[in-house]
Amino acid sequence: MTQRLHLVFGGELVNPSKSVFKDVSKIHIVGMYPDYKSAHKAWQAEAQRTVDDAHTRYFIAHIHRLRDEETPHSPTEELGA
């Protein structure tokens, strides 16, 4: 079975309509998860915990998509682009 790692992280954004962190050094790393289901559960808990703060946002990064061993380079989307 292929392992599909997911990273859950978040923090305060400069503007709630953009994905640009106010202070990258204060990003909250929730954790690394072996599958989307468990990552989503962790993301949901953090999102619900911070629901009253419009400037705080959490994300799930699909770490397994960052590098495809079959190709020399895999496309990634830069956060905030």
N, C-alpha and C. Protein backbone atom coordinates (compact mmCIF):
# COMPACT_ATOMS: atom_id res chain seq x y z
N MET A 1 0.84 -1.19 0.00
CA MET A 1 0.00 0.00 0.00
C MET A 1 0.88 1.25 0.00
N THR A 2 0.56 2.21 -0.84
CA THR A 2 1.30 3.46 -0.92
C THR A 2 0.94 4.36 0.24
N GLN A 3 1.96 4.94 0.85
CA GLN A 3 1.71 5.87 1.94
C GLN A 3 1.51 7.27 1.34
N ARG A 4 0.47 7.93 1.74
CA ARG A 4 0.14 9.26 1.23
C ARG A 4 0.13 10.24 2.40
N LEU A 5 1.28 10.85 2.65
CA LEU A 5 1.43 11.74 3.79
C LEU A 5 0.74 13.08 3.56
N HIS A 6 0.17 13.61 4.66
CA HIS A 6 -0.52 14.90 4.64
C HIS A 6 -0.06 15.71 5.85
N LEU A 7 0.24 16.99 5.61
CA LEU A 7 0.65 17.90 6.67
C LEU A 7 -0.48 18.88 6.95
N VAL A 8 -0.83 19.03 8.22
CA VAL A 8 -1.86 19.99 8.63
C VAL A 8 -1.15 21.14 9.34
N PHE A 9 -1.40 22.37 8.88
CA PHE A 9 -0.74 23.54 9.45
C PHE A 9 -1.64 24.76 9.27
N GLY A 10 -1.35 25.81 10.01
CA GLY A 10 -2.14 27.02 9.86
C GLY A 10 -1.58 28.15 10.69
N GLY A 11 -2.30 29.25 10.66
CA GLY A 11 -1.89 30.42 11.42
C GLY A 11 -2.64 31.65 10.99
N GLU A 12 -2.17 32.78 11.46
CA GLU A 12 -2.81 34.06 11.17
C GLU A 12 -2.42 34.56 9.78
N LEU A 13 -3.42 34.97 9.02
CA LEU A 13 -3.19 35.48 7.68
C LEU A 13 -3.19 37.01 7.69
N VAL A 14 -2.51 37.60 6.71
CA VAL A 14 -2.49 39.05 6.55
C VAL A 14 -3.89 39.53 6.22
N ASN A 15 -4.54 38.80 5.33
CA ASN A 15 -5.89 39.15 4.85
C ASN A 15 -6.66 37.84 4.70
N PRO A 16 -7.87 37.76 5.26
CA PRO A 16 -8.62 36.50 5.19
C PRO A 16 -8.95 36.02 3.77
N SER A 17 -8.85 36.90 2.79
CA SER A 17 -9.15 36.49 1.42
C SER A 17 -7.92 35.99 0.67
N LYS A 18 -6.76 36.00 1.30
CA LYS A 18 -5.51 35.53 0.69
C LYS A 18 -4.88 34.45 1.57
N SER A 19 -3.99 33.68 0.99
CA SER A 19 -3.29 32.63 1.76
C SER A 19 -1.86 33.06 2.04
N VAL A 20 -1.71 34.25 2.63
CA VAL A 20 -0.39 34.78 2.98
C VAL A 20 -0.34 34.93 4.50
N PHE A 21 0.63 34.24 5.13
CA PHE A 21 0.73 34.27 6.58
C PHE A 21 1.31 35.60 7.06
N LYS A 22 0.78 36.11 8.17
CA LYS A 22 1.26 37.36 8.76
C LYS A 22 2.69 37.20 9.27
N ASP A 23 2.98 36.08 9.94
CA ASP A 23 4.31 35.82 10.48
C ASP A 23 4.62 34.33 10.31
N VAL A 24 5.44 34.01 9.32
CA VAL A 24 5.74 32.61 9.00
C VAL A 24 6.37 31.88 10.18
N SER A 25 7.09 32.60 11.03
CA SER A 25 7.73 31.95 12.18
C SER A 25 6.71 31.48 13.22
N LYS A 26 5.47 31.95 13.10
CA LYS A 26 4.42 31.57 14.05
C LYS A 26 3.41 30.59 13.46
N ILE A 27 3.75 29.95 12.34
CA ILE A 27 2.86 28.95 11.76
C ILE A 27 2.72 27.78 12.73
N HIS A 28 1.50 27.37 12.96
CA HIS A 28 1.21 26.25 13.86
C HIS A 28 1.22 24.96 13.04
N ILE A 29 2.20 24.10 13.31
CA ILE A 29 2.27 22.80 12.66
C ILE A 29 1.46 21.83 13.53
N VAL A 30 0.33 21.41 13.02
CA VAL A 30 -0.53 20.50 13.77
C VAL A 30 0.06 19.10 13.75
N GLY A 31 0.49 18.65 12.56
CA GLY A 31 1.12 17.33 12.47
C GLY A 31 1.10 16.75 11.09
N MET A 32 1.78 15.60 10.97
CA MET A 32 1.87 14.84 9.73
C MET A 32 0.97 13.62 9.90
N TYR A 33 0.19 13.30 8.87
CA TYR A 33 -0.78 12.21 8.96
C TYR A 33 -0.62 11.25 7.78
N PRO A 34 -0.88 9.97 8.02
CA PRO A 34 -0.63 8.94 7.00
C PRO A 34 -1.70 8.83 5.91
N ASP A 35 -2.82 9.53 6.10
CA ASP A 35 -3.89 9.47 5.11
C ASP A 35 -4.75 10.73 5.20
N TYR A 36 -5.52 10.99 4.16
CA TYR A 36 -6.33 12.20 4.12
C TYR A 36 -7.40 12.22 5.21
N LYS A 37 -7.98 11.08 5.48
CA LYS A 37 -9.06 11.01 6.47
C LYS A 37 -8.60 11.51 7.84
N SER A 38 -7.46 11.04 8.30
CA SER A 38 -6.97 11.48 9.61
C SER A 38 -6.49 12.94 9.57
N ALA A 39 -5.93 13.37 8.44
CA ALA A 39 -5.51 14.76 8.29
C ALA A 39 -6.73 15.68 8.32
N HIS A 40 -7.78 15.28 7.64
CA HIS A 40 -9.01 16.08 7.61
C HIS A 40 -9.61 16.20 9.00
N LYS A 41 -9.56 15.15 9.77
CA LYS A 41 -10.08 15.17 11.14
C LYS A 41 -9.30 16.18 11.99
N ALA A 42 -7.97 16.17 11.86
CA ALA A 42 -7.13 17.12 12.60
C ALA A 42 -7.38 18.55 12.11
N TRP A 43 -7.48 18.73 10.80
CA TRP A 43 -7.76 20.05 10.23
C TRP A 43 -9.09 20.59 10.75
N GLN A 44 -10.10 19.73 10.75
CA GLN A 44 -11.43 20.13 11.19
C GLN A 44 -11.42 20.57 12.65
N ALA A 45 -10.70 19.86 13.49
CA ALA A 45 -10.62 20.22 14.91
C ALA A 45 -9.99 21.61 15.09
N GLU A 46 -8.91 21.88 14.36
CA GLU A 46 -8.25 23.19 14.46
C GLU A 46 -9.12 24.28 13.86
N ALA A 47 -9.76 24.02 12.73
CA ALA A 47 -10.63 25.00 12.09
C ALA A 47 -11.80 25.36 13.00
N GLN A 48 -12.37 24.37 13.66
CA GLN A 48 -13.49 24.63 14.58
C GLN A 48 -13.03 25.38 15.82
N ARG A 49 -11.82 25.07 16.28
CA ARG A 49 -11.26 25.74 17.46
C ARG A 49 -11.05 27.23 17.20
N THR A 50 -10.74 27.59 15.98
CA THR A 50 -10.42 28.98 15.64
C THR A 50 -11.51 29.63 14.78
N VAL A 51 -12.69 29.09 14.79
CA VAL A 51 -13.77 29.56 13.90
C VAL A 51 -14.11 31.03 14.11
N ASP A 52 -13.92 31.57 15.29
CA ASP A 52 -14.27 32.97 15.56
C ASP A 52 -13.20 33.96 15.12
N ASP A 53 -12.04 33.47 14.68
CA ASP A 53 -10.95 34.33 14.23
C ASP A 53 -10.86 34.25 12.71
N ALA A 54 -11.41 35.26 12.03
CA ALA A 54 -11.45 35.25 10.56
C ALA A 54 -10.07 35.26 9.93
N HIS A 55 -9.05 35.73 10.65
CA HIS A 55 -7.70 35.81 10.10
C HIS A 55 -6.89 34.53 10.28
N THR A 56 -7.43 33.57 11.00
CA THR A 56 -6.71 32.31 11.22
C THR A 56 -7.28 31.25 10.30
N ARG A 57 -6.39 30.58 9.59
CA ARG A 57 -6.81 29.56 8.63
C ARG A 57 -5.88 28.36 8.72
N TYR A 58 -6.44 27.18 8.54
CA TYR A 58 -5.66 25.93 8.53
C TYR A 58 -5.76 25.29 7.17
N PHE A 59 -4.71 24.55 6.81
CA PHE A 59 -4.58 23.94 5.49
C PHE A 59 -4.14 22.49 5.62
N ILE A 60 -4.43 21.71 4.59
CA ILE A 60 -3.91 20.35 4.46
C ILE A 60 -3.01 20.35 3.23
N ALA A 61 -1.74 20.03 3.44
CA ALA A 61 -0.80 19.92 2.32
C ALA A 61 -0.64 18.44 1.98
N HIS A 62 -0.80 18.13 0.72
CA HIS A 62 -0.66 16.76 0.24
C HIS A 62 0.82 16.51 -0.06
N ILE A 63 1.55 16.11 0.96
CA ILE A 63 3.00 15.93 0.85
C ILE A 63 3.36 14.91 -0.22
N HIS A 64 2.55 13.89 -0.37
CA HIS A 64 2.84 12.85 -1.36
C HIS A 64 2.81 13.40 -2.78
N ARG A 65 2.20 14.54 -3.00
CA ARG A 65 2.13 15.13 -4.34
C ARG A 65 3.34 16.00 -4.67
N LEU A 66 4.15 16.30 -3.69
CA LEU A 66 5.29 17.19 -3.92
C LEU A 66 6.36 16.56 -4.80
N ARG A 67 6.49 15.26 -4.73
CA ARG A 67 7.54 14.59 -5.52
C ARG A 67 7.00 13.29 -6.08
N ASP A 68 7.02 13.17 -7.35
CA ASP A 68 6.65 11.94 -8.04
C ASP A 68 7.94 11.28 -8.49
N GLU A 69 8.26 10.14 -7.96
CA GLU A 69 9.52 9.46 -8.24
C GLU A 69 9.69 9.08 -9.71
N GLU A 70 8.61 9.05 -10.47
CA GLU A 70 8.66 8.66 -11.87
C GLU A 70 9.06 9.81 -12.80
N THR A 71 8.97 11.04 -12.30
CA THR A 71 9.30 12.20 -13.12
C THR A 71 10.39 13.02 -12.44
N PRO A 72 11.23 13.72 -13.21
CA PRO A 72 12.31 14.50 -12.61
C PRO A 72 11.80 15.63 -11.72
N HIS A 73 10.68 16.24 -12.07
CA HIS A 73 10.13 17.34 -11.29
C HIS A 73 8.61 17.21 -11.24
N SER A 74 8.04 17.52 -10.09
CA SER A 74 6.59 17.52 -9.95
C SER A 74 6.12 18.95 -9.74
N PRO A 75 5.03 19.34 -10.36
CA PRO A 75 4.54 20.71 -10.17
C PRO A 75 3.99 20.90 -8.75
N THR A 76 4.26 22.04 -8.18
CA THR A 76 3.68 22.40 -6.89
C THR A 76 3.13 23.82 -6.99
N GLU A 77 2.13 24.08 -6.21
CA GLU A 77 1.53 25.41 -6.20
C GLU A 77 2.12 26.18 -5.02
N GLU A 78 2.66 27.34 -5.28
CA GLU A 78 3.23 28.14 -4.20
C GLU A 78 2.10 28.74 -3.39
N LEU A 79 2.17 28.58 -2.08
CA LEU A 79 1.17 29.11 -1.18
C LEU A 79 1.16 30.63 -1.29
N GLY A 80 0.00 31.20 -1.50
CA GLY A 80 -0.13 32.64 -1.61
C GLY A 80 -0.08 33.16 -3.01
N ALA A 81 0.14 32.29 -3.98
CA ALA A 81 0.24 32.74 -5.38
C ALA A 81 -1.12 33.06 -5.96
